[in-house]
Amino acid sequence: MTPSSLVVDSVTGVDVALPIAGPGARAFAFLIDWNIRAVLAIAWYVVAALIYHRAWNLTPPLDPDAPWFMYILLPPAAIYFLYHPAWELATRGRTPGKRMAGVELVGRDGGAPGVGAILTRNVFRLLDSLPLFYAVGLVATMVTRDHVRIGDLAAGTFLVYVRSNATLPIHPTNRLADTTLNVTSAEIVVELLERWARLDGVARRRLAKALLPASETAAADDDAALRARLERLSTGSAS
């Protein structure tokens, strides 16, 4: 299946294409998060059991009482099952595993998903995890066009590579697909070129100085030279 992108409108009117993460990146992020939550849950259980028994003993009592369930069994279970929704709500969709895999969770508009979308996505995690080892979710990411699992379909979310690696599709007025600029800088270049005629000389040089290397700006002796250098930058051409 060929790689796909989530195309969203930017503030400048130039469509931004966010490359969608495939099953490999998803599995890598999940394995990291799974190991983190497993270590945290096991560590809590071990420490709490030792404190409960006041001896090197990790076995449950023959007649478990309320403190055993409340302080030893419940917290590890909460860590394991609430890890993903808690992290995604706190960080707008970026768990430690997703950060290490270079991906992030976004909504249909390319922005951070809302609370409802995150909760919906995690409720459907139970379905995606069936029958074992997230088999349903893994198969779904392999057969769907945008590599989404059932939870993403229900919540309207996508897993994309971090926005700094996004590209801009070919546009009628410019060619930014091959540029090495990040998305923010590329959008500023497009907006600057479109408004060039309406800006005075001071504003043109100030904005160009912020985008071009100092040597490039110093070498440009007039506004026409500055614009030419910005146009070469926007098309990814060599300076």
Protein backbone atom coordinates (compact mmCIF):
# COMPACT_ATOMS: atom_id res chain seq x y z
CA MET A 1 0.00 0.00 0.00
CA THR A 2 1.46 3.35 -1.03
CA PRO A 3 2.09 5.94 1.69
CA SER A 4 -0.80 8.37 2.17
CA SER A 5 -1.03 11.86 3.59
CA LEU A 6 -3.61 13.86 5.49
CA VAL A 7 -4.10 17.08 3.54
CA VAL A 8 -5.37 20.02 5.58
CA ASP A 9 -5.84 23.74 4.97
CA SER A 10 -3.18 26.03 6.40
CA VAL A 11 -3.55 29.60 7.61
CA THR A 12 -2.14 30.90 4.33
CA GLY A 13 -4.48 28.89 2.11
CA VAL A 14 -1.71 26.51 1.00
CA ASP A 15 -2.66 22.89 1.66
CA VAL A 16 -0.33 21.10 4.08
CA ALA A 17 0.24 17.36 3.65
CA LEU A 18 0.94 15.46 6.87
CA PRO A 19 2.47 12.04 6.12
CA ILE A 20 0.44 9.31 7.80
CA ALA A 21 2.32 6.77 9.92
CA GLY A 22 2.04 3.17 8.81
CA PRO A 23 1.69 -0.06 10.81
CA GLY A 24 5.44 -0.20 11.51
CA ALA A 25 5.62 3.18 13.22
CA ARG A 26 2.38 2.46 15.09
CA ALA A 27 3.68 -0.89 16.34
CA PHE A 28 6.98 0.66 17.42
CA ALA A 29 5.23 3.41 19.41
CA PHE A 30 2.84 0.90 20.97
CA LEU A 31 5.63 -1.45 22.08
CA ILE A 32 7.47 1.40 23.79
CA ASP A 33 4.32 2.53 25.59
CA TRP A 34 3.40 -1.06 26.49
CA ASN A 35 6.78 -1.63 28.12
CA ILE A 36 6.61 1.65 30.02
CA ARG A 37 3.18 0.97 31.48
CA ALA A 38 4.08 -2.67 32.26
CA VAL A 39 7.21 -1.59 34.15
CA LEU A 40 5.27 1.08 36.08
CA ALA A 41 2.46 -1.33 36.99
CA ILE A 42 4.83 -4.11 38.08
CA ALA A 43 7.02 -1.70 40.06
CA TRP A 44 3.99 -0.39 41.96
CA TYR A 45 2.80 -3.91 42.74
CA VAL A 46 6.21 -5.05 43.99
CA VAL A 47 6.83 -2.04 46.22
CA ALA A 48 3.27 -2.00 47.59
CA ALA A 49 3.29 -5.76 48.28
CA LEU A 50 6.57 -5.52 50.14
CA ILE A 51 5.22 -2.68 52.27
CA TYR A 52 1.98 -4.59 52.88
CA HIS A 53 3.73 -7.79 54.00
CA ARG A 54 6.64 -5.99 55.66
CA ALA A 55 8.76 -8.83 54.33
CA TRP A 56 10.10 -10.15 51.04
CA ASN A 57 6.81 -11.63 49.98
CA LEU A 58 4.89 -10.83 46.77
CA THR A 59 2.16 -13.46 47.03
CA PRO A 60 -1.42 -12.32 47.73
CA PRO A 61 -2.84 -13.22 51.14
CA LEU A 62 -5.16 -16.21 51.40
CA ASP A 63 -7.91 -13.89 52.57
CA PRO A 64 -7.29 -10.55 50.80
CA ASP A 65 -8.61 -7.55 52.67
CA ALA A 66 -9.70 -4.12 51.45
CA PRO A 67 -6.22 -2.51 51.69
CA TRP A 68 -4.80 -5.25 49.46
CA PHE A 69 -7.31 -4.46 46.70
CA MET A 70 -7.23 -0.70 47.25
CA TYR A 71 -3.50 -0.04 47.47
CA ILE A 72 -1.86 -3.00 45.75
CA LEU A 73 -4.12 -4.34 42.99
CA LEU A 74 -6.13 -1.29 41.95
CA PRO A 75 -3.26 1.16 41.22
CA PRO A 76 -1.35 -1.20 38.86
CA ALA A 77 -4.59 -1.95 37.03
CA ALA A 78 -5.31 1.77 36.74
CA ILE A 79 -1.79 2.42 35.44
CA TYR A 80 -2.16 -0.26 32.81
CA PHE A 81 -5.62 0.63 31.55
CA LEU A 82 -5.51 4.42 31.95
CA TYR A 83 -1.97 4.94 30.64
CA HIS A 84 -2.96 5.85 27.09
CA PRO A 85 -6.00 8.07 27.77
CA ALA A 86 -4.22 9.88 30.62
CA TRP A 87 -1.08 10.60 28.58
CA GLU A 88 -3.03 11.59 25.46
CA LEU A 89 -5.30 13.94 27.39
CA ALA A 90 -2.35 15.53 29.20
CA THR A 91 -0.12 15.94 26.13
CA ARG A 92 -2.74 16.42 23.36
CA GLY A 93 -2.07 13.00 21.85
CA ARG A 94 1.69 12.53 22.37
CA THR A 95 2.57 9.54 24.55
CA PRO A 96 6.25 8.78 25.26
CA GLY A 97 6.13 5.98 22.70
CA LYS A 98 4.71 8.27 20.03
CA ARG A 99 7.37 10.87 20.74
CA MET A 100 10.15 8.31 20.40
CA ALA A 101 8.62 6.99 17.17
CA GLY A 102 8.35 10.52 15.78
CA VAL A 103 4.57 10.46 15.40
CA GLU A 104 1.65 12.34 16.86
CA LEU A 105 -2.12 12.02 17.05
CA VAL A 106 -4.18 14.58 15.11
CA GLY A 107 -7.79 15.19 14.18
CA ARG A 108 -9.26 15.54 10.70
CA ASP A 109 -8.23 19.22 10.64
CA GLY A 110 -4.60 18.38 11.40
CA GLY A 111 -4.78 19.85 14.90
CA ALA A 112 -4.62 18.18 18.28
CA PRO A 113 -7.68 15.96 18.92
CA GLY A 114 -10.27 17.02 21.45
CA VAL A 115 -11.16 15.30 24.71
CA GLY A 116 -14.12 13.49 23.15
CA ALA A 117 -12.03 12.10 20.30
CA ILE A 118 -9.31 10.87 22.65
CA LEU A 119 -11.80 9.18 24.98
CA THR A 120 -13.66 7.58 22.05
CA ARG A 121 -10.40 6.31 20.58
CA ASN A 122 -9.40 4.70 23.85
CA VAL A 123 -12.80 3.14 24.53
CA PHE A 124 -12.48 1.33 21.20
CA ARG A 125 -9.02 0.14 22.25
CA LEU A 126 -10.79 -2.83 23.84
CA LEU A 127 -12.13 -3.85 20.42
CA ASP A 128 -8.79 -3.26 18.70
CA SER A 129 -7.01 -5.47 21.23
CA LEU A 130 -9.13 -8.54 20.35
CA PRO A 131 -8.53 -11.43 20.32
CA LEU A 132 -4.91 -11.08 21.48
CA PHE A 133 -2.00 -8.66 20.98
CA TYR A 134 -4.10 -5.99 19.24
CA ALA A 135 -4.76 -8.31 16.29
CA VAL A 136 -7.89 -6.46 15.16
CA GLY A 137 -6.20 -3.07 15.37
CA LEU A 138 -3.07 -4.26 13.57
CA VAL A 139 -5.04 -5.80 10.72
CA ALA A 140 -7.12 -2.62 10.43
CA THR A 141 -3.99 -0.47 10.04
CA MET A 142 -2.82 -2.78 7.25
CA VAL A 143 -6.02 -2.78 5.18
CA THR A 144 -7.29 0.79 5.60
CA ARG A 145 -6.09 3.51 3.26
CA ASP A 146 -4.97 5.82 6.06
CA HIS A 147 -3.55 3.03 8.28
CA VAL A 148 -6.08 3.65 11.04
CA ARG A 149 -7.43 1.20 13.61
CA ILE A 150 -11.07 0.87 14.65
CA GLY A 151 -10.66 3.44 17.41
CA ASP A 152 -9.35 6.01 14.94
CA LEU A 153 -12.25 5.39 12.58
CA ALA A 154 -14.70 6.00 15.42
CA ALA A 155 -12.90 9.08 16.76
CA GLY A 156 -11.85 10.64 13.43
CA THR A 157 -8.17 10.65 14.37
CA PHE A 158 -4.97 9.91 12.47
CA LEU A 159 -1.42 9.08 13.46
CA VAL A 160 1.00 11.21 11.45
CA TYR A 161 4.70 11.90 11.48
CA VAL A 162 5.62 15.03 13.39
CA ARG A 163 4.66 18.18 11.54
CA SER A 164 8.26 19.38 11.14
CA ASN A 165 8.71 16.61 8.57
CA ALA A 166 5.55 17.46 6.64
CA THR A 167 5.68 18.63 3.03
CA LEU A 168 3.62 21.04 1.03
CA PRO A 169 1.99 19.69 -2.14
CA ILE A 170 2.60 21.37 -5.48
CA HIS A 171 0.56 24.58 -5.60
CA PRO A 172 -0.42 26.57 -8.69
CA THR A 173 1.70 29.53 -7.58
CA ASN A 174 4.68 27.74 -6.10
CA ARG A 175 6.55 24.45 -5.78
CA LEU A 176 7.28 23.65 -2.17
CA ALA A 177 7.23 19.86 -2.39
CA ASP A 178 11.01 19.63 -2.75
CA THR A 179 11.96 22.33 -0.29
CA THR A 180 13.90 21.62 2.88
CA LEU A 181 11.96 24.25 4.82
CA ASN A 182 9.75 23.20 7.66
CA VAL A 183 6.04 23.83 7.27
CA THR A 184 5.95 27.09 9.23
CA SER A 185 8.84 28.70 7.32
CA ALA A 186 7.49 27.52 3.97
CA GLU A 187 4.09 29.08 4.68
CA ILE A 188 5.76 32.36 5.66
CA VAL A 189 7.73 32.42 2.39
CA VAL A 190 4.56 31.86 0.35
CA GLU A 191 2.68 34.58 2.23
CA LEU A 192 5.59 36.99 1.92
CA LEU A 193 5.86 36.49 -1.85
CA GLU A 194 2.11 36.93 -2.30
CA ARG A 195 2.10 40.20 -0.34
CA TRP A 196 5.44 41.49 -1.67
CA ALA A 197 3.96 44.34 -3.69
CA ARG A 198 1.97 45.65 -0.72
CA LEU A 199 4.95 45.78 1.68
CA ASP A 200 7.34 48.69 1.98
CA GLY A 201 11.08 48.23 1.60
CA VAL A 202 11.81 48.10 5.33
CA ALA A 203 9.23 45.36 5.94
CA ARG A 204 10.47 43.36 2.95
CA ARG A 205 14.09 43.38 4.12
CA ARG A 206 13.15 42.64 7.74
CA LEU A 207 11.07 39.59 6.80
CA ALA A 208 13.61 38.36 4.26
CA LYS A 209 16.36 38.68 6.86
CA ALA A 210 14.36 36.43 9.19
CA LEU A 211 14.08 33.75 6.49
CA LEU A 212 17.38 33.96 4.63
CA PRO A 213 20.89 33.39 5.98
CA ALA A 214 22.75 36.57 6.87
CA SER A 215 25.13 36.14 3.94
CA GLU A 216 22.22 35.83 1.49
CA THR A 217 20.53 38.97 2.82
CA ALA A 218 23.73 40.97 2.78
CA ALA A 219 24.49 39.91 -0.79
CA ALA A 220 21.10 41.13 -2.06
CA ASP A 221 21.55 44.80 -3.01
CA ASP A 222 17.88 45.56 -3.79
CA ASP A 223 14.33 44.28 -3.29
CA ALA A 224 14.33 42.44 -6.62
CA ALA A 225 17.38 40.44 -5.58
CA LEU A 226 15.77 39.61 -2.24
CA ARG A 227 12.61 38.39 -3.92
CA ALA A 228 14.59 36.29 -6.38
CA ARG A 229 16.45 34.60 -3.51
CA LEU A 230 13.17 33.91 -1.69
CA GLU A 231 11.65 32.43 -4.83
CA ARG A 232 14.65 30.12 -5.25
CA LEU A 233 14.28 29.15 -1.58
CA SER A 234 10.57 28.36 -2.04
CA THR A 235 11.27 26.08 -5.00
CA GLY A 236 14.12 24.29 -3.26
CA SER A 237 16.64 25.56 -5.84
CA ALA A 238 20.29 26.00 -4.97
CA SER A 239 21.27 29.51 -3.93
